[in-house]
């Protein structure tokens, strides 16, 4: 088993630039000692289903509950382990794994036993055969165990993302997916280090016009305690969705906002005239010009985005 000492985390950057044909599966692990003890058997089951080269990279994100010792006892040569000296976040763990990947395709999954990892070979083969850029396991199967407290914010985030991106996204932040490594690495500068990594890469790929397919999967009850903070993380996701769409397709935000202001100004003019007999022309002019200015800013942002891109 290959390990990366906390004092030499730069070793993860030593992967040759020419990636081989095959699949690298990256699994972030943080304080998952119970699930980690069964992780090797699950991943070996995935390996047995593969007729193509595959490797597994487990990223211990500064665990303190015995996870490190469990990963250290995995079979020699069957898994690669990267260790962070401190907890850096879910997204940071995925970035470490992608940097160290040997193969041209990268898959991600969780260590908490929620995702049907046995579907990974199927997702990979579909990505390759259909020449896709990303295949996402959408949690819309016949057996989906998402906690009730997370369903309302998840629905709201999906609706917002659908509206701003102009795409039908059945699952915005699924943690089971297969992606081209060559498309993921250039996005590191905008991909966050936290849980919103998957949300951002979904919006980024779709906004960039990449070929993305969503495949229904089941979602099981997790082993252990969730690390997600419902209120704080939902607010962060809301902010992130707006920021990501602004980055890749700013007109999706500025045009609706501009039109809303213009329509509001017309409504103020009509209603004020109908109710008082005097049109609020100054208020109309201020709101209408605000809409024009927002549209101008959006057009400028779009020009800058296209020039940089």
Protein backbone atom coordinates (compact mmCIF):
# COMPACT_ATOMS: atom_id res chain seq x y z
CA UNK A 1 0.00 0.00 0.00
CA UNK A 2 1.39 3.39 -1.00
CA UNK A 3 1.17 6.08 1.66
CA UNK A 4 1.89 9.77 1.68
CA UNK A 5 3.35 11.10 4.90
CA UNK A 6 1.85 14.36 6.26
CA UNK A 7 5.26 15.99 5.88
CA UNK A 8 5.41 15.18 2.19
CA UNK A 9 1.94 15.95 0.83
CA UNK A 10 3.55 17.48 -2.26
CA UNK A 11 4.11 13.89 -3.41
CA UNK A 12 0.52 13.90 -4.68
CA UNK A 13 1.61 16.34 -7.42
CA UNK A 14 4.19 13.99 -8.92
CA UNK A 15 1.81 12.20 -11.29
CA UNK A 16 3.12 12.30 -14.88
CA UNK A 17 1.15 14.65 -17.15
CA UNK A 18 0.25 11.86 -19.60
CA UNK A 19 -2.53 9.85 -17.96
CA UNK A 20 -3.15 6.22 -18.94
CA UNK A 21 -6.45 4.81 -20.15
CA UNK A 22 -8.39 3.50 -17.16
CA UNK A 23 -10.30 4.63 -14.08
CA UNK A 24 -9.07 6.11 -10.82
CA UNK A 25 -11.59 6.00 -7.95
CA UNK A 26 -11.06 8.67 -5.29
CA UNK A 27 -12.61 8.14 -1.86
CA UNK A 28 -12.34 10.93 0.74
CA UNK A 29 -12.34 9.57 4.29
CA UNK A 30 -12.73 11.65 7.45
CA UNK A 31 -13.49 10.08 10.84
CA UNK A 32 -15.15 7.04 9.26
CA UNK A 33 -13.43 4.27 11.23
CA UNK A 34 -16.54 2.06 11.29
CA UNK A 35 -17.25 2.33 7.57
CA UNK A 36 -13.55 2.28 6.66
CA UNK A 37 -13.20 -1.20 8.15
CA UNK A 38 -15.57 -2.48 5.44
CA UNK A 39 -14.29 -0.21 2.68
CA UNK A 40 -11.67 -2.59 1.29
CA UNK A 41 -14.19 -5.37 0.74
CA UNK A 42 -16.60 -3.00 -1.05
CA UNK A 43 -13.92 -1.66 -3.36
CA UNK A 44 -12.53 -5.11 -4.09
CA UNK A 45 -16.05 -6.03 -5.16
CA UNK A 46 -15.94 -3.13 -7.62
CA UNK A 47 -12.51 -4.24 -8.88
CA UNK A 48 -13.82 -7.75 -9.58
CA UNK A 49 -16.47 -6.29 -11.90
CA UNK A 50 -13.96 -4.38 -14.02
CA UNK A 51 -12.52 -5.54 -17.34
CA UNK A 52 -10.39 -2.39 -17.53
CA UNK A 53 -7.50 -0.92 -15.46
CA UNK A 54 -8.68 0.57 -12.18
CA UNK A 55 -7.01 1.99 -9.08
CA UNK A 56 -8.33 3.24 -5.74
CA UNK A 57 -7.01 6.31 -3.94
CA UNK A 58 -8.20 6.80 -0.37
CA UNK A 59 -7.65 10.28 1.06
CA UNK A 60 -7.54 10.40 4.86
CA UNK A 61 -8.50 14.00 5.59
CA UNK A 62 -6.88 14.34 9.01
CA UNK A 63 -8.98 11.71 10.79
CA UNK A 64 -8.61 11.38 14.57
CA UNK A 65 -10.97 8.48 15.36
CA UNK A 66 -8.82 5.51 14.33
CA UNK A 67 -9.51 5.75 10.60
CA UNK A 68 -5.81 6.24 9.92
CA UNK A 69 -4.95 2.94 11.58
CA UNK A 70 -7.69 1.13 9.66
CA UNK A 71 -6.41 2.45 6.32
CA UNK A 72 -2.84 1.55 7.28
CA UNK A 73 -3.92 -2.08 7.58
CA UNK A 74 -5.31 -2.35 4.04
CA UNK A 75 -3.75 -4.97 1.71
CA UNK A 76 -0.34 -3.97 0.39
CA UNK A 77 -0.39 -2.77 -3.21
CA UNK A 78 -4.19 -2.89 -3.58
CA UNK A 79 -4.88 0.70 -2.52
CA UNK A 80 -3.08 4.03 -2.53
CA UNK A 81 -3.51 6.20 0.54
CA UNK A 82 -2.92 9.96 0.80
CA UNK A 83 -2.93 11.50 4.25
CA UNK A 84 -3.63 15.12 5.12
CA UNK A 85 -1.93 16.27 8.29
CA UNK A 86 -5.07 18.25 9.18
CA UNK A 87 -8.69 18.34 8.09
CA UNK A 88 -8.78 20.35 4.84
CA UNK A 89 -12.27 19.55 3.59
CA UNK A 90 -14.15 17.22 1.25
CA UNK A 91 -13.27 19.16 -1.88
CA UNK A 92 -9.61 19.41 -0.90
CA UNK A 93 -9.52 15.63 -0.49
CA UNK A 94 -10.97 15.12 -3.96
CA UNK A 95 -8.43 17.51 -5.45
CA UNK A 96 -5.59 15.58 -3.80
CA UNK A 97 -6.91 12.35 -5.26
CA UNK A 98 -7.39 13.80 -8.75
CA UNK A 99 -3.85 15.23 -8.74
CA UNK A 100 -2.45 11.83 -7.84
CA UNK A 101 -4.61 9.92 -10.34
CA UNK A 102 -2.84 7.64 -12.79
CA UNK A 103 -5.68 7.26 -15.26
CA UNK A 104 -7.49 9.59 -17.66
CA UNK A 105 -10.87 9.07 -16.00
CA UNK A 106 -11.65 9.84 -12.37
CA UNK A 107 -14.57 8.60 -10.30
CA UNK A 108 -15.57 9.75 -6.82
CA UNK A 109 -17.63 8.06 -4.14
CA UNK A 110 -18.06 8.27 -0.36
CA UNK A 111 -16.78 6.00 2.38
CA UNK A 112 -20.06 6.06 4.34
CA UNK A 113 -21.76 3.24 2.35
CA UNK A 114 -24.52 5.48 0.97
CA UNK A 115 -23.70 5.10 -2.72
CA UNK A 116 -23.99 1.90 -4.81
CA UNK A 117 -20.31 1.64 -5.67
CA UNK A 118 -20.99 -1.47 -7.75
CA UNK A 119 -22.47 0.86 -10.40
CA UNK A 120 -19.10 2.55 -11.04
CA UNK A 121 -18.01 0.16 -13.86
CA UNK A 122 -21.35 0.77 -15.59
CA UNK A 123 -21.01 4.56 -15.30
CA UNK A 124 -17.43 4.42 -16.60
CA UNK A 125 -18.29 2.23 -19.57
CA UNK A 126 -21.16 4.51 -20.53
CA UNK A 127 -18.91 7.57 -20.33
CA UNK A 128 -16.34 5.96 -22.60
CA UNK A 129 -18.73 4.36 -25.10
CA UNK A 130 -20.81 7.54 -25.54
CA UNK A 131 -17.79 9.87 -25.41
CA UNK A 132 -19.28 11.84 -22.51
CA UNK A 133 -17.46 14.27 -20.23
CA UNK A 134 -19.20 13.37 -16.98
CA UNK A 135 -21.70 10.73 -15.85
CA UNK A 136 -23.49 11.52 -12.57
CA UNK A 137 -25.30 9.00 -10.42
CA UNK A 138 -28.54 10.88 -9.71
CA UNK A 139 -30.23 9.85 -6.47
CA UNK A 140 -33.62 9.30 -8.10
CA UNK A 141 -33.76 5.50 -8.05
CA UNK A 142 -36.39 3.26 -6.48
CA UNK A 143 -34.67 3.23 -3.07
CA UNK A 144 -33.45 6.64 -1.93
CA UNK A 145 -32.85 7.28 1.77
CA UNK A 146 -32.29 11.03 2.03
CA UNK A 147 -33.01 12.39 5.56
CA UNK A 148 -36.24 14.42 5.72
CA UNK A 149 -34.46 17.48 7.14
CA UNK A 150 -32.31 17.69 3.99
CA UNK A 151 -35.09 17.30 1.42
CA UNK A 152 -36.59 20.85 1.44
CA UNK A 153 -33.25 22.67 1.04
CA UNK A 154 -32.16 20.09 -1.56
CA UNK A 155 -35.35 20.73 -3.58
CA UNK A 156 -34.89 24.51 -3.30
CA UNK A 157 -31.25 24.36 -4.38
CA UNK A 158 -32.10 22.15 -7.36
CA UNK A 159 -34.85 24.51 -8.52
CA UNK A 160 -32.56 27.52 -8.22
CA UNK A 161 -29.76 25.75 -10.07
CA UNK A 162 -32.13 24.61 -12.83
CA UNK A 163 -33.39 28.16 -13.33
CA UNK A 164 -30.00 29.83 -13.34
CA UNK A 165 -28.22 27.22 -15.46
CA UNK A 166 -31.06 26.62 -17.90
CA UNK A 167 -30.60 22.86 -17.54
CA UNK A 168 -32.64 20.07 -15.99
CA UNK A 169 -30.48 18.84 -13.11
CA UNK A 170 -32.03 15.85 -11.32
CA UNK A 171 -29.28 15.73 -8.68
CA UNK A 172 -27.06 18.76 -8.17
CA UNK A 173 -24.54 17.43 -5.66
CA UNK A 174 -24.37 13.67 -6.01
CA UNK A 175 -21.09 12.25 -4.71
CA UNK A 176 -21.02 9.33 -7.17
CA UNK A 177 -19.80 10.32 -10.61
CA UNK A 178 -17.23 9.61 -13.34
CA UNK A 179 -15.40 12.52 -15.02
CA UNK A 180 -12.63 13.24 -17.49
CA UNK A 181 -9.58 14.16 -15.47
CA UNK A 182 -8.45 16.60 -18.17
CA UNK A 183 -11.60 18.68 -17.61
CA UNK A 184 -11.57 18.56 -13.80
CA UNK A 185 -8.00 19.70 -13.16
CA UNK A 186 -8.33 23.11 -14.94
CA UNK A 187 -11.33 23.90 -12.71
CA UNK A 188 -9.39 23.58 -9.44
CA UNK A 189 -9.13 27.37 -9.18
CA UNK A 190 -12.93 27.68 -8.85
CA UNK A 191 -13.74 24.38 -7.14
CA UNK A 192 -14.11 24.86 -3.36
CA UNK A 193 -12.43 22.77 -0.69
CA UNK A 194 -15.69 22.00 1.12
CA UNK A 195 -18.81 19.93 0.44
CA UNK A 196 -19.87 22.27 -2.38
CA UNK A 197 -17.20 20.77 -4.68
CA UNK A 198 -19.79 18.53 -6.37
CA UNK A 199 -22.34 21.34 -6.74
CA UNK A 200 -19.76 23.58 -8.37
CA UNK A 201 -18.42 21.02 -10.80
CA UNK A 202 -21.95 20.11 -11.92
CA UNK A 203 -22.78 23.75 -12.70
CA UNK A 204 -19.35 24.38 -14.23
CA UNK A 205 -19.56 21.42 -16.59
CA UNK A 206 -23.11 22.26 -17.69
CA UNK A 207 -22.37 25.99 -18.06
CA UNK A 208 -19.32 25.15 -20.18
CA UNK A 209 -21.44 23.04 -22.52
CA UNK A 210 -19.78 19.74 -21.56
CA UNK A 211 -21.55 16.45 -22.26
CA UNK A 212 -23.12 15.46 -18.94
CA UNK A 213 -25.53 12.57 -18.37
CA UNK A 214 -27.46 11.75 -15.19
CA UNK A 215 -28.12 8.07 -14.43
CA UNK A 216 -30.66 7.09 -11.72
CA UNK A 217 -29.13 5.32 -8.71
CA UNK A 218 -30.28 4.23 -5.26
CA UNK A 219 -29.04 5.96 -2.12
CA UNK A 220 -28.68 4.08 1.16
CA UNK A 221 -28.79 5.22 4.78
CA UNK A 222 -25.31 6.30 5.82
CA UNK A 223 -23.06 4.50 8.29
CA UNK A 224 -21.98 6.87 11.06
CA UNK A 225 -22.77 10.53 11.55
CA UNK A 226 -23.14 13.02 8.71
CA UNK A 227 -20.63 15.89 8.53
CA UNK A 228 -23.10 18.20 6.74
CA UNK A 229 -24.48 21.21 8.68
CA UNK A 230 -27.98 21.68 7.18
CA UNK A 231 -28.54 25.43 7.70
CA UNK A 232 -24.99 26.71 7.24
CA UNK A 233 -24.21 24.47 4.28
CA UNK A 234 -27.53 25.26 2.56
CA UNK A 235 -26.79 29.00 2.76
CA UNK A 236 -23.30 28.35 1.42
CA UNK A 237 -24.77 26.31 -1.45
CA UNK A 238 -27.18 29.14 -2.33
CA UNK A 239 -24.31 31.61 -2.48
CA UNK A 240 -22.20 29.16 -4.43
CA UNK A 241 -24.84 28.48 -7.09
CA UNK A 242 -25.19 32.20 -7.83
CA UNK A 243 -21.42 32.71 -7.86
CA UNK A 244 -20.75 29.74 -10.14
CA UNK A 245 -23.40 30.73 -12.67
CA UNK A 246 -22.06 34.31 -12.58
CA UNK A 247 -18.59 32.96 -13.30
CA UNK A 248 -19.54 30.78 -16.27
CA UNK A 249 -22.73 32.40 -17.62
CA UNK A 250 -23.35 35.84 -16.04
CA UNK A 251 -26.25 36.75 -18.34
CA UNK A 252 -28.29 33.96 -16.74
CA UNK A 253 -28.34 36.12 -13.59
CA UNK A 254 -28.22 39.68 -14.95
CA UNK A 255 -30.92 39.42 -17.65
CA UNK A 256 -33.71 38.15 -15.34
CA UNK A 257 -32.73 40.74 -12.70
CA UNK A 258 -32.70 43.53 -15.29
CA UNK A 259 -36.07 42.53 -16.75
CA UNK A 260 -37.57 42.28 -13.27
CA UNK A 261 -36.53 45.86 -12.48
CA UNK A 262 -37.89 47.15 -15.79
CA UNK A 263 -41.22 45.40 -15.31
CA UNK A 264 -41.37 46.68 -11.74
CA UNK A 265 -40.86 50.24 -12.98
CA UNK A 266 -43.71 49.90 -15.49
CA UNK A 267 -45.95 48.44 -12.77
CA UNK A 268 -45.16 51.40 -10.49
CA UNK A 269 -46.06 53.83 -13.29
CA UNK A 270 -49.35 52.12 -14.16
CA UNK A 271 -50.52 51.46 -10.60
CA UNK A 272 -49.66 54.94 -9.34
CA UNK A 273 -51.57 56.52 -12.23
CA UNK A 274 -54.58 54.25 -11.69
CA UNK A 275 -54.79 54.73 -7.92
CA UNK A 276 -53.79 58.37 -7.44
CA UNK A 277 -54.23 59.92 -10.85
CA UNK A 278 -50.59 60.99 -10.79
CA UNK A 279 -47.88 58.88 -12.36
CA UNK A 280 -44.76 58.36 -10.22
CA UNK A 281 -42.56 59.25 -13.16
CA UNK A 282 -39.41 59.94 -11.15
CA UNK A 283 -39.65 56.57 -9.34
CA UNK A 284 -40.36 54.91 -12.67
CA UNK A 285 -37.28 56.49 -14.23
CA UNK A 286 -34.99 55.53 -11.32
CA UNK A 287 -36.10 51.88 -11.28
CA UNK A 288 -36.09 51.58 -15.08
CA UNK A 289 -32.59 53.03 -15.37
CA UNK A 290 -31.43 50.67 -12.62
CA UNK A 291 -32.62 47.81 -14.81
CA UNK A 292 -30.72 49.23 -17.78
CA UNK A 293 -27.56 49.57 -15.70
CA UNK A 294 -27.86 45.99 -14.43
CA UNK A 295 -28.20 44.78 -18.03
CA UNK A 296 -25.15 46.81 -19.07
CA UNK A 297 -23.11 45.32 -16.22
CA UNK A 298 -24.26 41.84 -17.25
CA UNK A 299 -23.21 42.39 -20.85
CA UNK A 300 -19.82 43.67 -19.71
CA UNK A 301 -19.39 40.67 -17.39
CA UNK A 302 -20.30 38.32 -20.25
CA UNK A 303 -17.73 39.95 -22.54
CA UNK A 304 -15.03 39.64 -19.88
CA UNK A 305 -16.01 36.01 -19.27
CA UNK A 306 -15.83 35.12 -22.96
CA UNK A 307 -12.51 36.92 -23.39
CA UNK A 308 -10.93 35.15 -20.40
CA UNK A 309 -12.41 31.80 -21.46
